[in-house]
Amino acid sequence: WYIKGLPSYLAIILDMRPKDIEQVVYYNSYIVINIKNKKLKLSNGRLIEERSLLNEKEWEELEDKIYLKDSELESHENNETYGDILDPEIDAEKAIEIEIGIGAEAIKKLLTNLNLDIEEEKLRKSISYIDDQLELAKAIRRLRLLQNLISSQTNPAWTVLEVLPVLPPDLRPMIQLDGGRFASSDLNDLYRKVIHRNNRLVKLQEILAPE
C-alpha cells in the first residue's frame, strides 16, 4: 500500500514520481542507486544521475561503457614500460563507479542510503529559493515528512517489507453468507499468490532471464 496509497509517501521521501517507483518495483526499469562519476552520459546526451531510470537498452549501453573502461584501466595497470607511473587520482577519475538495481530491493537500497538529516537540511535551505507555488508546496510537504521521520526515529527503509506478516485464522475477517452461514476471508489465496510469484521471480533471477 506504500506504492499505491495517496499520497505516495515513498515518492515524497525519494523525491520521485510514483509512476517511476512503480516502473522499478515491477521490473520495467532499472534505477541508479549510487554513482561517483558525475559526468557520465548516454549516447543520446542524457546525464546519468542518482535515481535516474534506465530501460533495457540504456542499461546494456552502460554495461558496455563499464566493460570498456575497466579494460582500459586494466591494460594501463599492466603496462610495465619504464617510467610509467600510475596516478591514483587520474585512474579514479577514469573509473566508472556506479550501482544500478531493479525491483523493490533497489528501492530499499535507496531508502537505506538516504541520510534524513542531510536531506532535511538541504531542503530547508533550498525552499527560500523556490518561486513556483506548486514546487514550493511539494517541497514543504516533503520537508514535513522528513522532519516527522527524524523526530519519530523512523527508518524509511522499513516501508519495504522483507517478511510478510500472516494473520492467524482467528483474526481474519468473516463474511456472512445467505442462510446465516459464515465464511472466513480468502486471505490464504492472497498469501499463496505472493509465494508463487516470489518463487517464480527467484527462478527467473537464477537463470538470468530477461526483465
N, C-alpha and C. Protein backbone atom coordinates (compact mmCIF):
# COMPACT_ATOMS: atom_id res chain seq x y z
N TRP A 1 0.82 -1.21 0.00
CA TRP A 1 0.00 0.00 0.00
C TRP A 1 0.86 1.27 0.00
N TYR A 2 2.14 1.14 0.31
CA TYR A 2 3.00 2.31 0.27
C TYR A 2 3.25 2.76 -1.17
N ILE A 3 3.04 1.87 -2.13
CA ILE A 3 3.20 2.24 -3.54
C ILE A 3 1.91 2.84 -4.07
N LYS A 4 0.80 2.18 -3.79
CA LYS A 4 -0.49 2.58 -4.36
C LYS A 4 -1.20 3.66 -3.56
N GLY A 5 -0.81 3.87 -2.32
CA GLY A 5 -1.52 4.82 -1.48
C GLY A 5 -1.37 6.26 -1.96
N LEU A 6 -2.34 7.09 -1.61
CA LEU A 6 -2.30 8.51 -1.94
C LEU A 6 -2.36 9.33 -0.66
N PRO A 7 -1.41 10.25 -0.44
CA PRO A 7 -0.25 10.47 -1.31
C PRO A 7 0.77 9.33 -1.20
N SER A 8 1.64 9.23 -2.20
CA SER A 8 2.66 8.18 -2.20
C SER A 8 3.83 8.64 -1.33
N TYR A 9 3.92 8.09 -0.13
CA TYR A 9 4.99 8.51 0.79
C TYR A 9 6.37 8.11 0.28
N LEU A 10 6.45 6.98 -0.41
CA LEU A 10 7.73 6.58 -1.00
C LEU A 10 8.20 7.62 -2.01
N ALA A 11 7.27 8.08 -2.84
CA ALA A 11 7.62 9.07 -3.86
C ALA A 11 8.04 10.39 -3.21
N ILE A 12 7.36 10.76 -2.14
CA ILE A 12 7.70 12.01 -1.45
C ILE A 12 9.08 11.91 -0.80
N ILE A 13 9.34 10.81 -0.13
CA ILE A 13 10.63 10.64 0.55
C ILE A 13 11.78 10.66 -0.44
N LEU A 14 11.63 9.93 -1.56
CA LEU A 14 12.71 9.83 -2.54
C LEU A 14 12.69 10.96 -3.56
N ASP A 15 11.68 11.83 -3.49
CA ASP A 15 11.54 12.93 -4.44
C ASP A 15 11.48 12.39 -5.88
N MET A 16 10.63 11.40 -6.06
CA MET A 16 10.44 10.77 -7.36
C MET A 16 8.95 10.75 -7.70
N ARG A 17 8.66 10.49 -8.97
CA ARG A 17 7.26 10.33 -9.37
C ARG A 17 6.77 8.94 -8.96
N PRO A 18 5.54 8.83 -8.49
CA PRO A 18 5.01 7.50 -8.13
C PRO A 18 5.09 6.52 -9.29
N LYS A 19 4.87 7.01 -10.50
CA LYS A 19 4.92 6.15 -11.68
C LYS A 19 6.31 5.56 -11.87
N ASP A 20 7.35 6.36 -11.60
CA ASP A 20 8.73 5.88 -11.77
C ASP A 20 9.05 4.79 -10.74
N ILE A 21 8.56 4.96 -9.52
CA ILE A 21 8.79 3.94 -8.49
C ILE A 21 8.12 2.64 -8.88
N GLU A 22 6.91 2.72 -9.43
CA GLU A 22 6.21 1.52 -9.88
C GLU A 22 6.98 0.83 -11.00
N GLN A 23 7.57 1.61 -11.91
CA GLN A 23 8.34 1.03 -13.00
C GLN A 23 9.51 0.20 -12.48
N VAL A 24 10.14 0.68 -11.41
CA VAL A 24 11.27 -0.05 -10.82
C VAL A 24 10.79 -1.28 -10.06
N VAL A 25 9.75 -1.11 -9.26
CA VAL A 25 9.24 -2.21 -8.43
C VAL A 25 8.73 -3.35 -9.30
N TYR A 26 8.10 -3.01 -10.43
CA TYR A 26 7.53 -4.04 -11.30
C TYR A 26 8.50 -4.51 -12.38
N TYR A 27 9.79 -4.20 -12.20
CA TYR A 27 10.86 -4.71 -13.08
C TYR A 27 10.72 -4.22 -14.52
N ASN A 28 10.20 -3.02 -14.70
CA ASN A 28 10.12 -2.44 -16.04
C ASN A 28 11.28 -1.48 -16.32
N SER A 29 11.93 -1.00 -15.27
CA SER A 29 13.05 -0.06 -15.44
C SER A 29 14.10 -0.32 -14.37
N TYR A 30 15.36 -0.05 -14.74
CA TYR A 30 16.45 -0.05 -13.78
C TYR A 30 16.54 1.34 -13.15
N ILE A 31 17.22 1.43 -12.02
CA ILE A 31 17.41 2.73 -11.38
C ILE A 31 18.83 2.84 -10.85
N VAL A 32 19.41 4.03 -10.96
CA VAL A 32 20.76 4.28 -10.46
C VAL A 32 20.69 4.50 -8.96
N ILE A 33 21.31 3.61 -8.20
CA ILE A 33 21.28 3.70 -6.74
C ILE A 33 22.38 4.61 -6.22
N ASN A 34 23.55 4.51 -6.84
CA ASN A 34 24.69 5.31 -6.40
C ASN A 34 25.62 5.51 -7.58
N ILE A 35 26.21 6.68 -7.70
CA ILE A 35 27.13 6.95 -8.80
C ILE A 35 28.18 7.95 -8.32
N LYS A 36 29.45 7.67 -8.64
CA LYS A 36 30.55 8.56 -8.26
C LYS A 36 30.93 9.48 -9.42
N ASN A 37 30.82 8.98 -10.66
CA ASN A 37 31.18 9.77 -11.83
C ASN A 37 30.02 10.70 -12.19
N LYS A 38 30.20 12.00 -11.98
CA LYS A 38 29.12 12.97 -12.18
C LYS A 38 29.00 13.42 -13.64
N LYS A 39 29.88 12.94 -14.53
CA LYS A 39 29.85 13.38 -15.92
C LYS A 39 29.47 12.25 -16.88
N LEU A 40 28.95 11.17 -16.35
CA LEU A 40 28.61 10.02 -17.17
C LEU A 40 27.34 10.32 -17.98
N LYS A 41 27.45 10.15 -19.31
CA LYS A 41 26.32 10.42 -20.19
C LYS A 41 26.06 9.23 -21.10
N LEU A 42 24.81 9.12 -21.55
CA LEU A 42 24.45 8.11 -22.55
C LEU A 42 24.71 8.68 -23.94
N SER A 43 24.58 7.83 -24.94
CA SER A 43 24.84 8.26 -26.31
C SER A 43 23.86 9.34 -26.76
N ASN A 44 22.67 9.39 -26.16
CA ASN A 44 21.69 10.41 -26.51
C ASN A 44 21.93 11.74 -25.79
N GLY A 45 23.01 11.80 -25.00
CA GLY A 45 23.36 13.03 -24.31
C GLY A 45 22.77 13.17 -22.92
N ARG A 46 21.95 12.22 -22.50
CA ARG A 46 21.32 12.31 -21.18
C ARG A 46 22.33 12.05 -20.08
N LEU A 47 22.39 12.94 -19.10
CA LEU A 47 23.31 12.80 -17.97
C LEU A 47 22.75 11.77 -16.99
N ILE A 48 23.61 10.86 -16.56
CA ILE A 48 23.19 9.83 -15.61
C ILE A 48 23.44 10.33 -14.19
N GLU A 49 22.38 10.37 -13.40
CA GLU A 49 22.47 10.84 -12.03
C GLU A 49 21.85 9.80 -11.10
N GLU A 50 22.03 10.02 -9.80
CA GLU A 50 21.38 9.14 -8.83
C GLU A 50 19.86 9.21 -8.99
N ARG A 51 19.22 8.05 -8.97
CA ARG A 51 17.77 7.88 -9.15
C ARG A 51 17.32 8.04 -10.59
N SER A 52 18.28 8.08 -11.53
CA SER A 52 17.89 8.09 -12.95
C SER A 52 17.34 6.72 -13.32
N LEU A 53 16.30 6.70 -14.15
CA LEU A 53 15.73 5.44 -14.62
C LEU A 53 16.35 5.05 -15.95
N LEU A 54 16.57 3.76 -16.14
CA LEU A 54 17.18 3.25 -17.36
C LEU A 54 16.33 2.11 -17.91
N ASN A 55 16.12 2.12 -19.22
CA ASN A 55 15.47 0.96 -19.83
C ASN A 55 16.52 -0.09 -20.17
N GLU A 56 16.08 -1.20 -20.74
CA GLU A 56 17.00 -2.31 -21.02
C GLU A 56 18.13 -1.90 -21.95
N LYS A 57 17.79 -1.14 -22.99
CA LYS A 57 18.80 -0.72 -23.97
C LYS A 57 19.83 0.21 -23.33
N GLU A 58 19.37 1.14 -22.51
CA GLU A 58 20.29 2.07 -21.85
C GLU A 58 21.18 1.35 -20.85
N TRP A 59 20.64 0.36 -20.15
CA TRP A 59 21.43 -0.43 -19.21
C TRP A 59 22.51 -1.21 -19.94
N GLU A 60 22.18 -1.78 -21.11
CA GLU A 60 23.18 -2.51 -21.89
C GLU A 60 24.27 -1.57 -22.39
N GLU A 61 23.89 -0.35 -22.76
CA GLU A 61 24.89 0.63 -23.19
C GLU A 61 25.85 0.98 -22.05
N LEU A 62 25.30 1.14 -20.84
CA LEU A 62 26.15 1.42 -19.69
C LEU A 62 27.07 0.25 -19.37
N GLU A 63 26.53 -0.97 -19.50
CA GLU A 63 27.36 -2.16 -19.28
C GLU A 63 28.55 -2.17 -20.21
N ASP A 64 28.33 -1.83 -21.48
CA ASP A 64 29.42 -1.79 -22.46
C ASP A 64 30.44 -0.72 -22.08
N LYS A 65 29.96 0.45 -21.64
CA LYS A 65 30.86 1.52 -21.23
C LYS A 65 31.73 1.08 -20.05
N ILE A 66 31.10 0.44 -19.07
CA ILE A 66 31.83 -0.01 -17.88
C ILE A 66 32.87 -1.06 -18.25
N TYR A 67 32.48 -1.99 -19.13
CA TYR A 67 33.40 -3.05 -19.55
C TYR A 67 34.61 -2.46 -20.28
N LEU A 68 34.36 -1.52 -21.20
CA LEU A 68 35.46 -0.91 -21.95
C LEU A 68 36.37 -0.11 -21.03
N LYS A 69 35.78 0.63 -20.09
CA LYS A 69 36.58 1.45 -19.18
C LYS A 69 37.42 0.57 -18.25
N ASP A 70 36.84 -0.53 -17.77
CA ASP A 70 37.59 -1.45 -16.92
C ASP A 70 38.74 -2.09 -17.70
N SER A 71 38.49 -2.40 -18.98
CA SER A 71 39.54 -3.00 -19.81
C SER A 71 40.68 -2.02 -20.02
N GLU A 72 40.34 -0.73 -20.23
CA GLU A 72 41.38 0.29 -20.42
C GLU A 72 42.23 0.44 -19.16
N LEU A 73 41.57 0.49 -18.01
CA LEU A 73 42.31 0.64 -16.75
C LEU A 73 43.18 -0.57 -16.46
N GLU A 74 42.65 -1.76 -16.75
CA GLU A 74 43.42 -2.98 -16.53
C GLU A 74 44.64 -3.02 -17.44
N SER A 75 44.46 -2.60 -18.69
CA SER A 75 45.58 -2.56 -19.63
C SER A 75 46.62 -1.55 -19.18
N HIS A 76 46.15 -0.42 -18.64
CA HIS A 76 47.07 0.61 -18.17
C HIS A 76 47.86 0.14 -16.96
N GLU A 77 47.20 -0.58 -16.07
CA GLU A 77 47.86 -1.07 -14.86
C GLU A 77 48.89 -2.14 -15.18
N ASN A 78 48.65 -2.90 -16.26
CA ASN A 78 49.57 -3.97 -16.64
C ASN A 78 50.74 -3.47 -17.48
N ASN A 79 50.71 -2.19 -17.83
CA ASN A 79 51.78 -1.62 -18.65
C ASN A 79 53.01 -1.40 -17.77
N GLU A 80 54.09 -2.09 -18.07
CA GLU A 80 55.30 -2.03 -17.25
C GLU A 80 56.42 -1.26 -17.96
N THR A 81 56.02 -0.36 -18.88
CA THR A 81 57.01 0.43 -19.59
C THR A 81 57.80 1.30 -18.62
N TYR A 82 59.11 1.43 -18.87
CA TYR A 82 59.97 2.20 -17.98
C TYR A 82 59.45 3.64 -17.86
N GLY A 83 59.34 4.11 -16.67
CA GLY A 83 58.92 5.48 -16.42
C GLY A 83 57.41 5.65 -16.33
N ASP A 84 56.67 4.57 -16.53
CA ASP A 84 55.21 4.66 -16.46
C ASP A 84 54.77 4.59 -15.00
N ILE A 85 54.35 5.70 -14.45
CA ILE A 85 53.94 5.77 -13.05
C ILE A 85 52.45 6.06 -13.00
N LEU A 86 51.70 5.20 -12.34
CA LEU A 86 50.25 5.36 -12.27
C LEU A 86 49.89 6.45 -11.27
N ASP A 87 48.95 7.27 -11.64
CA ASP A 87 48.43 8.31 -10.76
C ASP A 87 47.06 7.86 -10.25
N PRO A 88 46.93 7.52 -8.97
CA PRO A 88 45.65 7.02 -8.44
C PRO A 88 44.50 7.98 -8.67
N GLU A 89 44.76 9.31 -8.60
CA GLU A 89 43.68 10.28 -8.77
C GLU A 89 43.16 10.27 -10.20
N ILE A 90 44.09 10.17 -11.18
CA ILE A 90 43.67 10.13 -12.58
C ILE A 90 42.89 8.86 -12.85
N ASP A 91 43.37 7.74 -12.33
CA ASP A 91 42.66 6.47 -12.54
C ASP A 91 41.28 6.51 -11.90
N ALA A 92 41.18 7.15 -10.76
CA ALA A 92 39.87 7.24 -10.09
C ALA A 92 38.89 8.05 -10.93
N GLU A 93 39.40 9.09 -11.63
CA GLU A 93 38.53 9.90 -12.48
C GLU A 93 38.06 9.10 -13.69
N LYS A 94 38.92 8.21 -14.20
CA LYS A 94 38.57 7.43 -15.38
C LYS A 94 37.59 6.31 -15.04
N ALA A 95 37.65 5.81 -13.82
CA ALA A 95 36.82 4.66 -13.45
C ALA A 95 35.34 5.06 -13.40
N ILE A 96 34.50 4.09 -13.70
CA ILE A 96 33.05 4.30 -13.61
C ILE A 96 32.55 3.54 -12.39
N GLU A 97 32.27 4.27 -11.33
CA GLU A 97 31.75 3.65 -10.11
C GLU A 97 30.25 3.93 -10.04
N ILE A 98 29.48 2.91 -10.31
CA ILE A 98 28.03 3.08 -10.36
C ILE A 98 27.34 1.83 -9.86
N GLU A 99 26.26 2.00 -9.14
CA GLU A 99 25.45 0.88 -8.66
C GLU A 99 24.05 1.03 -9.22
N ILE A 100 23.60 0.01 -9.91
CA ILE A 100 22.28 0.03 -10.55
C ILE A 100 21.48 -1.16 -10.06
N GLY A 101 20.21 -0.96 -9.79
CA GLY A 101 19.37 -2.04 -9.30
C GLY A 101 18.00 -2.02 -9.94
N ILE A 102 17.19 -3.00 -9.57
CA ILE A 102 15.83 -3.11 -10.09
C ILE A 102 14.98 -3.84 -9.05
N GLY A 103 13.69 -3.57 -9.07
CA GLY A 103 12.79 -4.23 -8.12
C GLY A 103 12.72 -3.51 -6.78
N ALA A 104 11.96 -4.08 -5.86
CA ALA A 104 11.80 -3.48 -4.53
C ALA A 104 13.12 -3.40 -3.78
N GLU A 105 14.03 -4.33 -4.08
CA GLU A 105 15.34 -4.31 -3.42
C GLU A 105 16.09 -3.02 -3.73
N ALA A 106 15.98 -2.54 -4.97
CA ALA A 106 16.65 -1.29 -5.34
C ALA A 106 16.04 -0.10 -4.60
N ILE A 107 14.71 -0.09 -4.48
CA ILE A 107 14.05 0.99 -3.74
C ILE A 107 14.48 0.98 -2.28
N LYS A 108 14.60 -0.21 -1.71
CA LYS A 108 15.01 -0.30 -0.31
C LYS A 108 16.45 0.19 -0.13
N LYS A 109 17.33 -0.08 -1.09
CA LYS A 109 18.70 0.42 -1.00
C LYS A 109 18.73 1.94 -1.04
N LEU A 110 17.90 2.53 -1.91
CA LEU A 110 17.83 3.99 -1.97
C LEU A 110 17.37 4.57 -0.64
N LEU A 111 16.38 3.93 -0.05
CA LEU A 111 15.87 4.40 1.24
C LEU A 111 16.89 4.20 2.35
N THR A 112 17.64 3.10 2.29
CA THR A 112 18.67 2.82 3.29
C THR A 112 19.81 3.82 3.20
N ASN A 113 20.18 4.19 1.97
CA ASN A 113 21.28 5.13 1.76
C ASN A 113 20.90 6.57 2.07
N LEU A 114 19.61 6.84 2.20
CA LEU A 114 19.14 8.21 2.40
C LEU A 114 19.49 8.70 3.80
N ASN A 115 20.21 9.80 3.85
CA ASN A 115 20.53 10.45 5.14
C ASN A 115 19.46 11.51 5.41
N LEU A 116 18.55 11.21 6.30
CA LEU A 116 17.42 12.10 6.54
C LEU A 116 17.85 13.48 7.03
N ASP A 117 18.85 13.53 7.89
CA ASP A 117 19.31 14.81 8.43
C ASP A 117 19.88 15.70 7.33
N ILE A 118 20.70 15.12 6.46
CA ILE A 118 21.28 15.89 5.36
C ILE A 118 20.21 16.34 4.38
N GLU A 119 19.29 15.43 4.04
CA GLU A 119 18.21 15.77 3.11
C GLU A 119 17.33 16.88 3.67
N GLU A 120 17.04 16.80 4.97
CA GLU A 120 16.20 17.82 5.60
C GLU A 120 16.88 19.18 5.60
N GLU A 121 18.19 19.19 5.88
CA GLU A 121 18.93 20.45 5.90
C GLU A 121 19.02 21.07 4.51
N LYS A 122 19.32 20.25 3.50
CA LYS A 122 19.40 20.75 2.12
C LYS A 122 18.06 21.31 1.66
N LEU A 123 17.00 20.58 1.97
CA LEU A 123 15.67 21.01 1.53
C LEU A 123 15.25 22.30 2.23
N ARG A 124 15.56 22.40 3.52
CA ARG A 124 15.19 23.60 4.28
C ARG A 124 15.89 24.84 3.72
N LYS A 125 17.14 24.68 3.29
CA LYS A 125 17.90 25.80 2.74
C LYS A 125 17.41 26.18 1.34
N SER A 126 16.98 25.18 0.57
CA SER A 126 16.59 25.44 -0.82
C SER A 126 15.18 26.00 -0.96
N ILE A 127 14.34 25.83 0.07
CA ILE A 127 12.94 26.26 -0.02
C ILE A 127 12.82 27.76 -0.28
N SER A 128 13.69 28.56 0.32
CA SER A 128 13.60 30.02 0.17
C SER A 128 13.88 30.47 -1.26
N TYR A 129 14.47 29.60 -2.08
CA TYR A 129 14.80 29.97 -3.46
C TYR A 129 13.76 29.44 -4.46
N ILE A 130 12.72 28.78 -3.99
CA ILE A 130 11.71 28.22 -4.88
C ILE A 130 10.61 29.26 -5.10
N ASP A 131 10.38 29.63 -6.38
CA ASP A 131 9.36 30.63 -6.71
C ASP A 131 8.03 29.99 -7.10
N ASP A 132 8.10 28.87 -7.80
CA ASP A 132 6.88 28.21 -8.25
C ASP A 132 6.07 27.69 -7.06
N GLN A 133 4.80 28.04 -7.01
CA GLN A 133 3.97 27.69 -5.85
C GLN A 133 3.75 26.19 -5.73
N LEU A 134 3.58 25.50 -6.85
CA LEU A 134 3.39 24.05 -6.81
C LEU A 134 4.65 23.35 -6.30
N GLU A 135 5.81 23.80 -6.81
CA GLU A 135 7.07 23.22 -6.37
C GLU A 135 7.32 23.53 -4.89
N LEU A 136 6.91 24.72 -4.47
CA LEU A 136 7.08 25.10 -3.06
C LEU A 136 6.22 24.23 -2.16
N ALA A 137 4.97 24.01 -2.56
CA ALA A 137 4.08 23.15 -1.76
C ALA A 137 4.61 21.73 -1.70
N LYS A 138 5.15 21.26 -2.82
CA LYS A 138 5.73 19.92 -2.87
C LYS A 138 6.93 19.81 -1.94
N ALA A 139 7.79 20.84 -1.95
CA ALA A 139 8.99 20.84 -1.10
C ALA A 139 8.61 20.90 0.38
N ILE A 140 7.61 21.71 0.72
CA ILE A 140 7.18 21.82 2.12
C ILE A 140 6.60 20.50 2.61
N ARG A 141 5.82 19.85 1.75
CA ARG A 141 5.24 18.55 2.13
C ARG A 141 6.35 17.53 2.38
N ARG A 142 7.37 17.53 1.53
CA ARG A 142 8.49 16.59 1.71
C ARG A 142 9.28 16.93 2.97
N LEU A 143 9.47 18.22 3.22
CA LEU A 143 10.21 18.65 4.41
C LEU A 143 9.50 18.19 5.68
N ARG A 144 8.19 18.36 5.72
CA ARG A 144 7.42 17.94 6.91
C ARG A 144 7.51 16.44 7.12
N LEU A 145 7.45 15.68 6.02
CA LEU A 145 7.55 14.23 6.14
C LEU A 145 8.92 13.81 6.65
N LEU A 146 9.98 14.44 6.12
CA LEU A 146 11.33 14.12 6.58
C LEU A 146 11.49 14.47 8.06
N GLN A 147 10.95 15.61 8.47
CA GLN A 147 11.05 16.01 9.87
C GLN A 147 10.29 15.04 10.78
N ASN A 148 9.14 14.56 10.32
CA ASN A 148 8.38 13.58 11.10
C ASN A 148 9.15 12.27 11.24
N LEU A 149 9.81 11.85 10.16
CA LEU A 149 10.60 10.62 10.22
C LEU A 149 11.77 10.77 11.19
N ILE A 150 12.40 11.94 11.16
CA ILE A 150 13.54 12.18 12.04
C ILE A 150 13.10 12.22 13.50
N SER A 151 12.02 12.96 13.78
CA SER A 151 11.57 13.11 15.17
C SER A 151 11.07 11.79 15.76
N SER A 152 10.50 10.94 14.91
CA SER A 152 9.99 9.65 15.39
C SER A 152 11.03 8.53 15.29
N GLN A 153 12.24 8.90 14.78
CA GLN A 153 13.33 7.94 14.60
C GLN A 153 12.86 6.73 13.76
N THR A 154 12.14 7.04 12.70
CA THR A 154 11.62 6.01 11.80
C THR A 154 12.54 5.85 10.60
N ASN A 155 12.94 4.64 10.34
CA ASN A 155 13.77 4.35 9.18
C ASN A 155 12.87 4.17 7.96
N PRO A 156 13.01 5.00 6.91
CA PRO A 156 12.13 4.87 5.74
C PRO A 156 12.25 3.53 5.04
N ALA A 157 13.37 2.83 5.23
CA ALA A 157 13.54 1.52 4.60
C ALA A 157 12.56 0.50 5.16
N TRP A 158 11.98 0.81 6.31
CA TRP A 158 11.01 -0.11 6.91
C TRP A 158 9.73 -0.21 6.07
N THR A 159 9.53 0.72 5.15
CA THR A 159 8.33 0.68 4.32
C THR A 159 8.38 -0.45 3.29
N VAL A 160 9.56 -1.02 3.08
CA VAL A 160 9.71 -2.14 2.15
C VAL A 160 9.79 -3.42 2.98
N LEU A 161 8.80 -4.26 2.87
CA LEU A 161 8.72 -5.47 3.69
C LEU A 161 9.55 -6.60 3.09
N GLU A 162 10.33 -7.25 3.94
CA GLU A 162 11.05 -8.46 3.53
C GLU A 162 10.38 -9.71 4.10
N VAL A 163 9.65 -9.53 5.19
CA VAL A 163 8.92 -10.63 5.81
C VAL A 163 7.44 -10.30 5.76
N LEU A 164 6.65 -11.18 5.18
CA LEU A 164 5.22 -10.93 5.03
C LEU A 164 4.48 -11.38 6.29
N PRO A 165 3.85 -10.45 7.01
CA PRO A 165 3.09 -10.85 8.21
C PRO A 165 1.83 -11.61 7.81
N VAL A 166 1.57 -12.70 8.49
CA VAL A 166 0.40 -13.54 8.18
C VAL A 166 -0.58 -13.48 9.35
N LEU A 167 -1.81 -13.12 9.06
CA LEU A 167 -2.84 -13.08 10.10
C LEU A 167 -3.30 -14.49 10.44
N PRO A 168 -3.39 -14.82 11.72
CA PRO A 168 -3.94 -16.13 12.09
C PRO A 168 -5.43 -16.18 11.76
N PRO A 169 -5.98 -17.39 11.57
CA PRO A 169 -7.39 -17.51 11.18
C PRO A 169 -8.35 -16.78 12.11
N ASP A 170 -8.04 -16.74 13.42
CA ASP A 170 -8.96 -16.12 14.37
C ASP A 170 -9.12 -14.61 14.14
N LEU A 171 -8.12 -13.99 13.51
CA LEU A 171 -8.17 -12.54 13.30
C LEU A 171 -8.62 -12.16 11.90
N ARG A 172 -8.85 -13.13 11.05
CA ARG A 172 -9.25 -12.82 9.68
C ARG A 172 -10.73 -12.45 9.62
N PRO A 173 -11.09 -11.53 8.74
CA PRO A 173 -12.49 -11.08 8.67
C PRO A 173 -13.43 -12.22 8.26
N MET A 174 -14.63 -12.17 8.81
CA MET A 174 -15.66 -13.17 8.50
C MET A 174 -16.70 -12.55 7.56
N ILE A 175 -17.18 -13.36 6.64
CA ILE A 175 -18.18 -12.92 5.68
C ILE A 175 -19.47 -13.72 5.92
N GLN A 176 -20.57 -13.01 6.08
CA GLN A 176 -21.85 -13.69 6.29
C GLN A 176 -22.47 -14.06 4.95
N LEU A 177 -22.79 -15.34 4.79
CA LEU A 177 -23.39 -15.84 3.56
C LEU A 177 -24.91 -15.93 3.72
N ASP A 178 -25.57 -16.23 2.61
CA ASP A 178 -27.02 -16.43 2.66
C ASP A 178 -27.34 -17.63 3.55
N GLY A 179 -28.42 -17.52 4.31
CA GLY A 179 -28.80 -18.62 5.18
C GLY A 179 -28.18 -18.54 6.55
N GLY A 180 -27.50 -17.41 6.84
CA GLY A 180 -26.92 -17.25 8.16
C GLY A 180 -25.58 -17.91 8.37
N ARG A 181 -25.02 -18.48 7.30
CA ARG A 181 -23.71 -19.12 7.45
C ARG A 181 -22.59 -18.07 7.35
N PHE A 182 -21.43 -18.44 7.88
CA PHE A 182 -20.27 -17.54 7.86
C PHE A 182 -19.10 -18.24 7.17
N ALA A 183 -18.30 -17.44 6.50
CA ALA A 183 -17.09 -17.97 5.86
C ALA A 183 -15.94 -17.01 6.15
N SER A 184 -14.75 -17.57 6.35
CA SER A 184 -13.58 -16.72 6.59
C SER A 184 -13.08 -16.14 5.28
N SER A 185 -12.32 -15.06 5.38
CA SER A 185 -11.79 -14.40 4.19
C SER A 185 -10.83 -15.31 3.44
N ASP A 186 -10.68 -15.02 2.13
CA ASP A 186 -9.79 -15.85 1.30
C ASP A 186 -8.36 -15.32 1.32
N LEU A 187 -7.91 -14.83 2.49
CA LEU A 187 -6.54 -14.32 2.58
C LEU A 187 -5.51 -15.39 2.27
N ASN A 188 -5.85 -16.66 2.54
CA ASN A 188 -4.91 -17.74 2.23
C ASN A 188 -4.54 -17.73 0.75
N ASP A 189 -5.54 -17.45 -0.11
CA ASP A 189 -5.29 -17.39 -1.55
C ASP A 189 -4.34 -16.24 -1.89
N LEU A 190 -4.48 -15.12 -1.19
CA LEU A 190 -3.59 -13.98 -1.44
C LEU A 190 -2.16 -14.32 -1.03
N TYR A 191 -2.01 -14.98 0.12
CA TYR A 191 -0.67 -15.39 0.55
C TYR A 191 -0.07 -16.36 -0.46
N ARG A 192 -0.90 -17.27 -0.96
CA ARG A 192 -0.42 -18.26 -1.93
C ARG A 192 0.08 -17.57 -3.21
N LYS A 193 -0.64 -16.55 -3.65
CA LYS A 193 -0.23 -15.82 -4.86
C LYS A 193 1.13 -15.15 -4.65
N VAL A 194 1.29 -14.54 -3.48
CA VAL A 194 2.56 -13.87 -3.18
C VAL A 194 3.71 -14.88 -3.18
N ILE A 195 3.50 -16.04 -2.57
CA ILE A 195 4.54 -17.07 -2.50
C ILE A 195 4.88 -17.57 -3.89
N HIS A 196 3.86 -17.84 -4.72
CA HIS A 196 4.10 -18.35 -6.07
C HIS A 196 4.87 -17.33 -6.92
N ARG A 197 4.46 -16.07 -6.83
CA ARG A 197 5.13 -15.03 -7.62
C ARG A 197 6.57 -14.83 -7.16
N ASN A 198 6.78 -14.89 -5.86
CA ASN A 198 8.13 -14.73 -5.34
C ASN A 198 9.02 -15.89 -5.77
N ASN A 199 8.49 -17.11 -5.72
CA ASN A 199 9.27 -18.28 -6.16
C ASN A 199 9.59 -18.19 -7.64
N ARG A 200 8.62 -17.72 -8.44
CA ARG A 200 8.86 -17.58 -9.87
C ARG A 200 9.93 -16.53 -10.15
N LEU A 201 9.89 -15.43 -9.39
CA LEU A 201 10.89 -14.38 -9.55
C LEU A 201 12.28 -14.90 -9.21
N VAL A 202 12.40 -15.67 -8.13
CA VAL A 202 13.69 -16.23 -7.73
C VAL A 202 14.25 -17.13 -8.82
N LYS A 203 13.40 -17.95 -9.43
CA LYS A 203 13.86 -18.84 -10.51
C LYS A 203 14.32 -18.04 -11.72
N LEU A 204 13.58 -16.99 -12.08
CA LEU A 204 13.97 -16.15 -13.22
C LEU A 204 15.30 -15.46 -12.96
N GLN A 205 15.51 -15.02 -11.72
CA GLN A 205 16.78 -14.38 -11.39
C GLN A 205 17.94 -15.37 -11.43
N GLU A 206 17.68 -16.62 -11.04
CA GLU A 206 18.73 -17.64 -11.04
C GLU A 206 19.19 -17.97 -12.45
N ILE A 207 18.26 -17.96 -13.41
CA ILE A 207 18.63 -18.30 -14.80
C ILE A 207 18.96 -17.04 -15.61
N LEU A 208 18.99 -15.88 -14.92
CA LEU A 208 19.31 -14.60 -15.56
C LEU A 208 18.39 -14.33 -16.74
N ALA A 209 17.10 -14.55 -16.52
CA ALA A 209 16.11 -14.32 -17.58
C ALA A 209 15.98 -12.82 -17.85
N PRO A 210 15.59 -12.43 -19.07
CA PRO A 210 15.39 -11.00 -19.36
C PRO A 210 14.32 -10.42 -18.46
N GLU A 211 14.46 -9.12 -18.13
CA GLU A 211 13.50 -8.48 -17.23
C GLU A 211 12.15 -8.34 -17.93
